[in-house]
Amino acid sequence: MISCTPEIFNEKIISLAYKITNQAQYKSLYGIPRGGTYIAIAFSQILHTPLVNKDEIDNKTLIVDDIIDSGTTRNRYPDNDFICLYGKNKKTSEDSQGIITYVGTTVNEFVEFFWEKEKNEGPAEDAILRIIQSIEEDPNRKGIIETPKRVINSFKELYAGYRQNPKDVFKVFDEEEQIGGLVYLKDIEFYSMCEHHMLPFYGSAFIAYIPDGPVIGVSKLARLLDVFSRRLQIQERIAEQVTNSLMKYLNPIGAACLIEAKHLCIACRGVQKQNSIMGYSSLKGVFLEESDKGIATRNELMALWSRK
């Protein structure tokens, strides 16, 4: 990681300002919120050039940003010269129309700016900030200023499953009497985040097992579901991870997890089917057998699942 300290910042600003005054004249400056705002103010003071709002940009406005990464932000201003302190594998260039992109220093790693450090913004919050910029929202707007921090705080809960080990869920109880019936917990509500679009999906699960000795507390089935659902996921994998864990740590005769869920990735985008419900069933052990016992336990499972 490269650290842009106040001293380095001042050196780069002066060097770039000198380059600008020797090559072009600009009537105004526009700083891309928020990274370019701080830099645009510094340029304005040195060049005695006024700052303008986004609606006041014309072809004599120099667009200012902290860094060019993917180039998406730069491409939004194809008719304006553009200046930044750093460029990810990009150097100063001029296109066929004479539009110049000034780059202070070419880098290939993350850059931490001192004003971000003062605001206690880490790389994750900075990434959220750039997402906000990419959708052309103003990250300086009153309702948005604290959004990066709020999003990262919400991630701690949404993705809590990464910090949990399913093995820790299995506090077992050894019963004096043999328990051979089907143990189940149904209508377990859950939410998760689609790994393809990072959009929520949510619904309910039915978890069951037939013990071969030890049993676990009923709340542990719900906790096991949360361990896997609170990650970037697909519905099928959650069910498989639940049953695989039951078979691994409890060693039952059979295990099952049946899940139904609504996916916002197909409700609010793509095919936009708001009322569709996806289902998946993961069966292990005796529930998969074609023996009389297997068929009987599978029928019992499905009857319990479908019963309201």
Protein backbone atom coordinates (compact mmCIF):
# COMPACT_ATOMS: atom_id res chain seq x y z
CA MET A 1 0.00 0.00 0.00
CA ILE A 2 1.21 3.51 -0.86
CA SER A 3 0.64 6.27 1.67
CA CYS A 4 0.03 9.76 0.32
CA THR A 5 1.14 11.97 3.22
CA PRO A 6 0.55 15.75 3.39
CA GLU A 7 4.16 16.30 2.32
CA ILE A 8 3.86 14.01 -0.72
CA PHE A 9 0.49 15.55 -1.53
CA ASN A 10 1.91 19.10 -1.59
CA GLU A 11 4.83 18.05 -3.81
CA LYS A 12 2.49 16.39 -6.32
CA ILE A 13 0.05 19.30 -6.36
CA ILE A 14 2.80 21.83 -7.07
CA SER A 15 4.37 19.62 -9.76
CA LEU A 16 1.07 19.00 -11.54
CA ALA A 17 0.00 22.63 -11.23
CA TYR A 18 3.21 23.68 -12.97
CA LYS A 19 2.58 21.15 -15.74
CA ILE A 20 -0.96 22.49 -16.27
CA THR A 21 0.03 26.16 -16.46
CA ASN A 22 2.66 25.33 -19.06
CA GLN A 23 0.35 23.32 -21.31
CA ALA A 24 -3.18 24.67 -21.05
CA GLN A 25 -5.49 27.30 -19.59
CA TYR A 26 -8.64 26.30 -17.75
CA LYS A 27 -11.50 28.56 -16.73
CA SER A 28 -12.77 26.30 -13.96
CA LEU A 29 -12.14 23.16 -11.94
CA TYR A 30 -14.50 20.37 -10.94
CA GLY A 31 -13.51 17.88 -8.22
CA ILE A 32 -15.02 14.39 -8.41
CA PRO A 33 -16.68 13.80 -5.00
CA ARG A 34 -15.16 12.91 -2.62
CA GLY A 35 -11.64 11.97 -3.65
CA GLY A 36 -11.19 14.79 -6.14
CA THR A 37 -12.78 17.52 -4.02
CA TYR A 38 -9.81 17.93 -1.68
CA ILE A 39 -7.39 18.00 -4.62
CA ALA A 40 -9.51 20.45 -6.65
CA ILE A 41 -9.53 22.89 -3.71
CA ALA A 42 -5.72 22.72 -3.55
CA PHE A 43 -5.40 23.31 -7.31
CA SER A 44 -7.87 26.19 -7.11
CA GLN A 45 -5.78 27.96 -4.49
CA ILE A 46 -2.54 27.57 -6.46
CA LEU A 47 -3.95 28.31 -9.94
CA HIS A 48 -6.47 30.94 -8.80
CA THR A 49 -9.08 29.06 -10.81
CA PRO A 50 -12.68 28.85 -9.54
CA LEU A 51 -14.44 25.63 -8.62
CA VAL A 52 -17.76 24.79 -10.30
CA ASN A 53 -20.63 22.39 -9.65
CA LYS A 54 -21.32 19.42 -11.91
CA ASP A 55 -24.06 21.31 -13.76
CA GLU A 56 -21.64 24.14 -14.61
CA ILE A 57 -19.00 22.01 -16.36
CA ASP A 58 -18.04 23.11 -19.89
CA ASN A 59 -15.20 22.22 -22.24
CA LYS A 60 -12.87 24.62 -20.42
CA THR A 61 -13.35 22.82 -17.11
CA LEU A 62 -10.53 20.60 -15.83
CA ILE A 63 -11.90 17.50 -14.10
CA VAL A 64 -9.97 16.56 -10.94
CA ASP A 65 -9.82 13.20 -9.13
CA ASP A 66 -7.51 11.41 -6.69
CA ILE A 67 -6.83 8.29 -8.75
CA ILE A 68 -7.75 6.59 -12.03
CA ASP A 69 -8.37 2.91 -11.33
CA SER A 70 -10.62 1.15 -13.85
CA GLY A 71 -11.10 4.34 -15.87
CA THR A 72 -14.88 4.33 -15.46
CA THR A 73 -14.97 7.79 -13.84
CA ARG A 74 -12.60 9.24 -16.38
CA ASN A 75 -14.78 7.94 -19.25
CA ARG A 76 -17.75 9.95 -17.99
CA TYR A 77 -15.99 13.13 -19.08
CA PRO A 78 -14.73 12.35 -22.59
CA ASP A 79 -14.78 16.01 -23.68
CA ASN A 80 -12.76 17.37 -20.77
CA ASP A 81 -9.12 17.23 -19.76
CA PHE A 82 -8.69 15.21 -16.60
CA ILE A 83 -6.07 15.28 -13.86
CA CYS A 84 -5.33 12.91 -10.98
CA LEU A 85 -2.52 12.34 -8.49
CA TYR A 86 -2.24 8.61 -9.23
CA GLY A 87 -3.14 6.25 -12.06
CA LYS A 88 -3.38 2.47 -11.83
CA ASN A 89 -0.99 1.46 -14.63
CA LYS A 90 -1.88 4.66 -16.50
CA LYS A 91 0.37 7.53 -17.62
CA THR A 92 -0.29 11.05 -18.91
CA SER A 93 -1.77 10.77 -22.40
CA GLU A 94 -3.49 12.73 -25.16
CA ASP A 95 -6.15 11.28 -27.46
CA SER A 96 -6.79 11.98 -31.12
CA GLN A 97 -9.10 14.88 -30.24
CA GLY A 98 -6.46 16.55 -28.10
CA ILE A 99 -8.12 15.65 -24.80
CA ILE A 100 -5.40 15.23 -22.14
CA THR A 101 -5.35 12.95 -19.12
CA TYR A 102 -2.71 14.11 -16.65
CA VAL A 103 -1.40 11.45 -14.26
CA GLY A 104 0.95 12.38 -11.44
CA THR A 105 2.35 8.92 -10.61
CA THR A 106 1.69 5.48 -12.09
CA VAL A 107 1.00 2.85 -9.42
CA ASN A 108 -0.25 -0.76 -9.27
CA GLU A 109 -1.33 -0.98 -5.63
CA PHE A 110 -3.79 0.57 -3.20
CA VAL A 111 -3.20 4.22 -2.26
CA GLU A 112 -4.16 5.57 1.16
CA PHE A 113 -4.69 9.35 1.21
CA PHE A 114 -4.05 11.19 4.45
CA TRP A 115 -7.51 12.82 4.52
CA GLU A 116 -9.13 9.38 4.39
CA LYS A 117 -7.02 8.32 7.36
CA GLU A 118 -8.18 11.38 9.27
CA LYS A 119 -11.78 10.29 8.65
CA ASN A 120 -10.94 6.73 9.75
CA GLU A 121 -11.89 5.38 6.34
CA GLY A 122 -10.34 2.02 5.57
CA PRO A 123 -9.95 0.36 2.17
CA ALA A 124 -13.39 -1.27 2.48
CA GLU A 125 -15.16 2.03 3.13
CA ASP A 126 -13.24 3.62 0.28
CA ALA A 127 -14.44 0.82 -2.02
CA ILE A 128 -18.06 1.55 -1.06
CA LEU A 129 -17.45 5.23 -1.72
CA ARG A 130 -16.29 4.42 -5.23
CA ILE A 131 -19.35 2.28 -5.83
CA ILE A 132 -21.50 5.26 -4.86
CA GLN A 133 -19.54 7.38 -7.29
CA SER A 134 -19.90 4.77 -10.04
CA ILE A 135 -23.72 5.04 -9.97
CA GLU A 136 -23.30 8.82 -10.31
CA GLU A 137 -24.59 9.65 -6.83
CA ASP A 138 -22.94 12.48 -4.90
CA PRO A 139 -21.12 10.94 -1.90
CA ASN A 140 -21.02 14.39 -0.29
CA ARG A 141 -24.82 14.57 -0.10
CA LYS A 142 -26.04 14.81 3.49
CA GLY A 143 -27.84 11.47 3.48
CA ILE A 144 -24.89 9.66 1.85
CA ILE A 145 -21.85 10.95 3.76
CA GLU A 146 -21.98 8.23 6.42
CA THR A 147 -23.21 5.50 4.06
CA PRO A 148 -19.82 3.79 3.48
CA LYS A 149 -19.36 3.34 7.21
CA ARG A 150 -22.94 2.11 7.66
CA VAL A 151 -22.56 -0.41 4.83
CA ILE A 152 -19.37 -1.89 6.28
CA ASN A 153 -21.00 -2.12 9.72
CA SER A 154 -23.97 -3.93 8.18
CA PHE A 155 -21.57 -6.37 6.47
CA LYS A 156 -20.38 -7.50 9.91
CA GLU A 157 -23.87 -8.88 10.52
CA LEU A 158 -24.80 -9.91 6.99
CA TYR A 159 -21.60 -11.95 6.59
CA ALA A 160 -21.12 -13.06 10.19
CA GLY A 161 -21.02 -16.69 9.05
CA TYR A 162 -17.44 -16.35 7.85
CA ARG A 163 -16.34 -15.85 11.45
CA GLN A 164 -18.22 -18.90 12.73
CA ASN A 165 -17.23 -22.55 12.69
CA PRO A 166 -20.09 -25.05 12.24
CA LYS A 167 -18.28 -27.47 14.52
CA ASP A 168 -18.90 -25.10 17.45
CA VAL A 169 -22.66 -25.54 17.02
CA PHE A 170 -22.61 -29.22 17.89
CA LYS A 171 -22.99 -29.40 21.64
CA VAL A 172 -24.52 -32.87 21.85
CA PHE A 173 -26.66 -34.57 24.46
CA ASP A 174 -26.20 -38.28 25.08
CA GLU A 175 -29.60 -39.72 25.90
CA GLU A 176 -30.01 -42.74 28.16
CA GLU A 177 -32.81 -44.03 25.95
CA GLN A 178 -32.28 -44.64 22.27
CA ILE A 179 -33.94 -42.00 20.12
CA GLY A 180 -34.65 -43.33 16.68
CA GLY A 181 -37.43 -41.09 15.46
CA LEU A 182 -37.22 -38.17 13.07
CA VAL A 183 -36.09 -34.92 14.75
CA TYR A 184 -36.99 -31.78 12.86
CA LEU A 185 -37.31 -28.00 13.04
CA LYS A 186 -39.43 -26.29 10.40
CA ASP A 187 -40.25 -22.75 9.28
CA ILE A 188 -36.77 -21.50 10.21
CA GLU A 189 -36.58 -18.05 8.68
CA PHE A 190 -33.26 -17.02 7.17
CA TYR A 191 -31.69 -14.47 4.88
CA SER A 192 -28.58 -14.64 2.76
CA MET A 193 -26.78 -12.73 0.02
CA CYS A 194 -26.57 -13.98 -3.55
CA GLU A 195 -22.94 -14.49 -4.52
CA HIS A 196 -23.62 -13.48 -8.12
CA HIS A 197 -25.11 -10.02 -7.53
CA MET A 198 -24.73 -9.45 -3.77
CA LEU A 199 -28.51 -9.08 -3.51
CA PRO A 200 -30.56 -10.66 -0.71
CA PHE A 201 -32.57 -13.84 -0.84
CA TYR A 202 -34.68 -14.95 2.05
CA GLY A 203 -37.17 -17.62 3.05
CA SER A 204 -37.54 -20.58 5.38
CA ALA A 205 -35.87 -23.91 5.93
CA PHE A 206 -36.91 -27.33 7.20
CA ILE A 207 -34.04 -29.23 8.86
CA ALA A 208 -34.36 -32.83 10.01
CA TYR A 209 -32.24 -35.77 11.07
CA ILE A 210 -32.65 -39.28 12.46
CA PRO A 211 -30.19 -39.67 15.35
CA ASP A 212 -28.02 -42.69 15.91
CA GLY A 213 -27.16 -41.88 19.50
CA PRO A 214 -26.48 -38.22 20.42
CA VAL A 215 -28.89 -35.37 19.68
CA ILE A 216 -28.38 -31.60 19.69
CA GLY A 217 -30.43 -28.78 21.16
CA VAL A 218 -33.18 -27.59 18.89
CA SER A 219 -31.78 -24.04 18.67
CA LYS A 220 -28.55 -25.45 17.24
CA LEU A 221 -30.32 -26.38 14.02
CA ALA A 222 -31.28 -22.75 13.52
CA ARG A 223 -27.77 -21.61 14.42
CA LEU A 224 -26.27 -24.06 11.94
CA LEU A 225 -28.44 -22.57 9.21
CA ASP A 226 -27.23 -19.06 10.13
CA VAL A 227 -23.57 -20.10 10.00
CA PHE A 228 -23.90 -20.90 6.31
CA SER A 229 -26.61 -18.46 5.23
CA ARG A 230 -24.74 -15.39 6.49
CA ARG A 231 -22.20 -15.59 3.72
CA LEU A 232 -22.13 -14.97 -0.03
CA GLN A 233 -24.16 -17.97 -1.09
CA ILE A 234 -26.39 -19.90 -3.40
CA GLN A 235 -29.45 -21.60 -1.95
CA GLU A 236 -28.39 -25.09 -2.97
CA ARG A 237 -25.04 -24.81 -1.24
CA ILE A 238 -26.60 -23.72 2.05
CA ALA A 239 -28.75 -26.85 2.17
CA GLU A 240 -25.83 -29.10 1.25
CA GLN A 241 -23.57 -27.52 3.86
CA VAL A 242 -26.21 -27.99 6.55
CA THR A 243 -26.73 -31.69 5.81
CA ASN A 244 -23.01 -32.35 5.32
CA SER A 245 -22.30 -30.81 8.73
CA LEU A 246 -25.01 -32.86 10.40
CA MET A 247 -23.61 -36.05 8.89
CA LYS A 248 -20.02 -35.13 9.77
CA TYR A 249 -20.41 -33.94 13.35
CA LEU A 250 -23.51 -35.83 14.55
CA ASN A 251 -23.24 -39.03 12.50
CA PRO A 252 -27.01 -39.58 12.24
CA ILE A 253 -28.78 -42.25 10.22
CA GLY A 254 -29.96 -39.55 7.84
CA ALA A 255 -30.14 -35.76 7.46
CA ALA A 256 -32.26 -33.40 5.39
CA CYS A 257 -32.51 -29.69 4.66
CA LEU A 258 -35.31 -28.30 2.49
CA ILE A 259 -35.26 -24.61 1.62
CA GLU A 260 -37.68 -22.26 -0.12
CA ALA A 261 -36.67 -18.68 -0.78
CA LYS A 262 -37.39 -15.50 -2.72
CA HIS A 263 -34.43 -14.05 -4.60
CA LEU A 264 -34.20 -10.31 -5.16
CA CYS A 265 -31.69 -10.90 -7.95
CA ILE A 266 -34.59 -12.10 -10.11
CA ALA A 267 -37.27 -9.93 -8.48
CA CYS A 268 -35.76 -6.46 -8.95
CA ARG A 269 -33.50 -7.07 -11.96
CA GLY A 270 -33.14 -9.54 -14.82
CA VAL A 271 -36.43 -11.35 -15.45
CA GLN A 272 -38.12 -9.31 -12.66
CA LYS A 273 -40.43 -12.04 -11.34
CA GLN A 274 -41.46 -10.77 -7.91
CA ASN A 275 -43.56 -13.71 -6.76
CA SER A 276 -41.33 -16.60 -7.76
CA ILE A 277 -40.12 -18.98 -5.05
CA MET A 278 -37.15 -21.29 -5.47
CA GLY A 279 -36.94 -24.59 -3.65
CA TYR A 280 -34.13 -27.04 -3.00
CA SER A 281 -33.85 -30.23 -0.96
CA SER A 282 -30.66 -31.87 0.28
CA LEU A 283 -31.06 -35.46 1.51
CA LYS A 284 -28.41 -37.67 3.07
CA GLY A 285 -28.19 -41.18 4.46
CA VAL A 286 -31.40 -43.17 4.90
CA PHE A 287 -33.49 -40.48 3.18
CA LEU A 288 -31.86 -41.45 -0.12
CA GLU A 289 -32.28 -45.19 0.23
CA GLU A 290 -34.71 -47.07 -2.01
CA SER A 291 -35.35 -49.63 0.75
CA ASP A 292 -38.71 -49.82 2.52
CA LYS A 293 -37.20 -47.89 5.43
CA GLY A 294 -35.76 -45.25 3.14
CA ILE A 295 -39.04 -44.72 1.29
CA ALA A 296 -40.98 -44.59 4.56
CA THR A 297 -38.68 -42.00 6.18
CA ARG A 298 -38.65 -39.92 3.00
CA ASN A 299 -42.46 -39.96 2.83
CA GLU A 300 -42.67 -38.98 6.49
CA LEU A 301 -40.22 -36.13 5.88
CA MET A 302 -42.18 -34.74 2.94
CA ALA A 303 -45.48 -35.03 4.79
CA LEU A 304 -44.12 -33.10 7.76
CA TRP A 305 -42.60 -30.46 5.49
CA SER A 306 -45.80 -29.85 3.53
CA ARG A 307 -48.08 -29.84 6.58
CA LYS A 308 -49.17 -26.36 7.66
